[in-house]
Amino acid sequence: TGITDFAAAAEAMAVRVREAGSEVLTGARVTGLVDDGGTWVLETRCGPLRARALVNCAGLHADRVANLIRESM
């Protein structure tokens, strides 16, 4: 077990993601996922998004997002 400053850890990861040329979106509720052969197409409230990798940080809803991933595979 351990204690961490989640906000600081998340911001440090976001900085690295942005430095690598990607973006971090918050509040983009995922409503569906499609595996498009090497990329993911995420249906969100902000419109469709494409990604090569996903990080599930949905908190109490992480199980729902994980189920969307399993269902699309």
C-alpha atoms as a PDB file:
ATOM      1  CA  THR A   1       0.000   0.000   0.000  1.00  0.00           C
ATOM      2  CA  GLY A   2       0.997   3.588  -0.375  1.00  0.00           C
ATOM      3  CA  ILE A   3      -0.231   7.120  -0.413  1.00  0.00           C
ATOM      4  CA  THR A   4       0.267   9.368  -3.405  1.00  0.00           C
ATOM      5  CA  ASP A   5      -0.711  12.813  -4.541  1.00  0.00           C
ATOM      6  CA  PHE A   6      -2.950  11.696  -7.416  1.00  0.00           C
ATOM      7  CA  ALA A   7      -3.336  15.195  -8.872  1.00  0.00           C
ATOM      8  CA  ALA A   8       0.442  15.655  -9.050  1.00  0.00           C
ATOM      9  CA  ALA A   9       0.978  12.171 -10.538  1.00  0.00           C
ATOM     10  CA  ALA A  10      -1.755  12.726 -13.158  1.00  0.00           C
ATOM     11  CA  GLU A  11      -0.341  16.128 -14.102  1.00  0.00           C
ATOM     12  CA  ALA A  12       3.172  14.656 -14.480  1.00  0.00           C
ATOM     13  CA  MET A  13       1.780  11.975 -16.823  1.00  0.00           C
ATOM     14  CA  ALA A  14      -0.190  14.609 -18.759  1.00  0.00           C
ATOM     15  CA  VAL A  15       2.971  16.669 -19.262  1.00  0.00           C
ATOM     16  CA  ARG A  16       4.756  13.647 -20.742  1.00  0.00           C
ATOM     17  CA  VAL A  17       1.814  12.832 -23.000  1.00  0.00           C
ATOM     18  CA  ARG A  18       1.708  16.409 -24.302  1.00  0.00           C
ATOM     19  CA  GLU A  19       5.479  16.501 -24.800  1.00  0.00           C
ATOM     20  CA  ALA A  20       5.118  13.380 -26.962  1.00  0.00           C
ATOM     21  CA  GLY A  21       2.667  15.239 -29.214  1.00  0.00           C
ATOM     22  CA  SER A  22      -0.589  13.819 -27.890  1.00  0.00           C
ATOM     23  CA  GLU A  23      -3.379  15.413 -25.947  1.00  0.00           C
ATOM     24  CA  VAL A  24      -5.183  14.765 -22.687  1.00  0.00           C
ATOM     25  CA  LEU A  25      -8.944  15.213 -22.621  1.00  0.00           C
ATOM     26  CA  THR A  26     -11.066  15.396 -19.506  1.00  0.00           C
ATOM     27  CA  GLY A  27     -14.824  15.279 -19.362  1.00  0.00           C
ATOM     28  CA  ALA A  28     -14.993  13.368 -22.668  1.00  0.00           C
ATOM     29  CA  ARG A  29     -17.344  10.635 -21.500  1.00  0.00           C
ATOM     30  CA  VAL A  30     -16.777   7.451 -23.507  1.00  0.00           C
ATOM     31  CA  THR A  31     -20.030   5.948 -24.775  1.00  0.00           C
ATOM     32  CA  GLY A  32     -18.589   3.322 -27.116  1.00  0.00           C
ATOM     33  CA  LEU A  33     -15.354   1.798 -28.404  1.00  0.00           C
ATOM     34  CA  VAL A  34     -14.394   0.120 -31.663  1.00  0.00           C
ATOM     35  CA  ASP A  35     -11.135  -1.738 -32.317  1.00  0.00           C
ATOM     36  CA  ASP A  36     -10.173  -0.554 -35.788  1.00  0.00           C
ATOM     37  CA  GLY A  37      -7.192  -2.857 -36.366  1.00  0.00           C
ATOM     38  CA  GLY A  38      -4.367  -1.136 -34.510  1.00  0.00           C
ATOM     39  CA  THR A  39      -6.245   1.954 -33.389  1.00  0.00           C
ATOM     40  CA  TRP A  40      -9.249   2.555 -31.194  1.00  0.00           C
ATOM     41  CA  VAL A  41     -12.183   4.708 -32.206  1.00  0.00           C
ATOM     42  CA  LEU A  42     -13.783   6.156 -29.108  1.00  0.00           C
ATOM     43  CA  GLU A  43     -17.295   7.524 -29.277  1.00  0.00           C
ATOM     44  CA  THR A  44     -17.423  10.396 -26.776  1.00  0.00           C
ATOM     45  CA  ARG A  45     -19.571  13.348 -25.827  1.00  0.00           C
ATOM     46  CA  CYS A  46     -16.937  15.450 -27.635  1.00  0.00           C
ATOM     47  CA  GLY A  47     -17.295  13.438 -30.851  1.00  0.00           C
ATOM     48  CA  PRO A  48     -15.286  10.468 -32.146  1.00  0.00           C
ATOM     49  CA  LEU A  49     -11.601  10.207 -31.234  1.00  0.00           C
ATOM     50  CA  ARG A  50      -8.838   7.909 -32.519  1.00  0.00           C
ATOM     51  CA  ALA A  51      -6.106   6.515 -30.292  1.00  0.00           C
ATOM     52  CA  ARG A  52      -3.335   3.928 -30.490  1.00  0.00           C
ATOM     53  CA  ALA A  53      -3.403   3.431 -26.720  1.00  0.00           C
ATOM     54  CA  LEU A  54      -5.911   3.950 -23.936  1.00  0.00           C
ATOM     55  CA  VAL A  55      -5.415   4.741 -20.266  1.00  0.00           C
ATOM     56  CA  ASN A  56      -8.495   4.037 -18.189  1.00  0.00           C
ATOM     57  CA  CYS A  57      -8.661   6.589 -15.363  1.00  0.00           C
ATOM     58  CA  ALA A  58     -12.409   6.568 -14.942  1.00  0.00           C
ATOM     59  CA  GLY A  59     -12.356   6.290 -11.159  1.00  0.00           C
ATOM     60  CA  LEU A  60     -15.516   4.660  -9.880  1.00  0.00           C
ATOM     61  CA  HIS A  61     -16.583   4.113 -13.504  1.00  0.00           C
ATOM     62  CA  ALA A  62     -13.367   2.295 -14.510  1.00  0.00           C
ATOM     63  CA  ASP A  63     -15.177  -1.048 -14.552  1.00  0.00           C
ATOM     64  CA  ARG A  64     -17.720   0.299 -17.057  1.00  0.00           C
ATOM     65  CA  VAL A  65     -14.985   1.553 -19.372  1.00  0.00           C
ATOM     66  CA  ALA A  66     -13.115  -1.756 -19.015  1.00  0.00           C
ATOM     67  CA  ASN A  67     -16.310  -3.587 -20.011  1.00  0.00           C
ATOM     68  CA  LEU A  68     -16.617  -1.387 -23.124  1.00  0.00           C
ATOM     69  CA  ILE A  69     -13.054  -2.392 -24.032  1.00  0.00           C
ATOM     70  CA  ARG A  70     -13.737  -6.101 -23.495  1.00  0.00           C
ATOM     71  CA  GLU A  71     -16.956  -5.944 -25.498  1.00  0.00           C
ATOM     72  CA  SER A  72     -15.188  -4.350 -28.463  1.00  0.00           C
ATOM     73  CA  MET A  73     -12.456  -6.969 -28.690  1.00  0.00           C
END
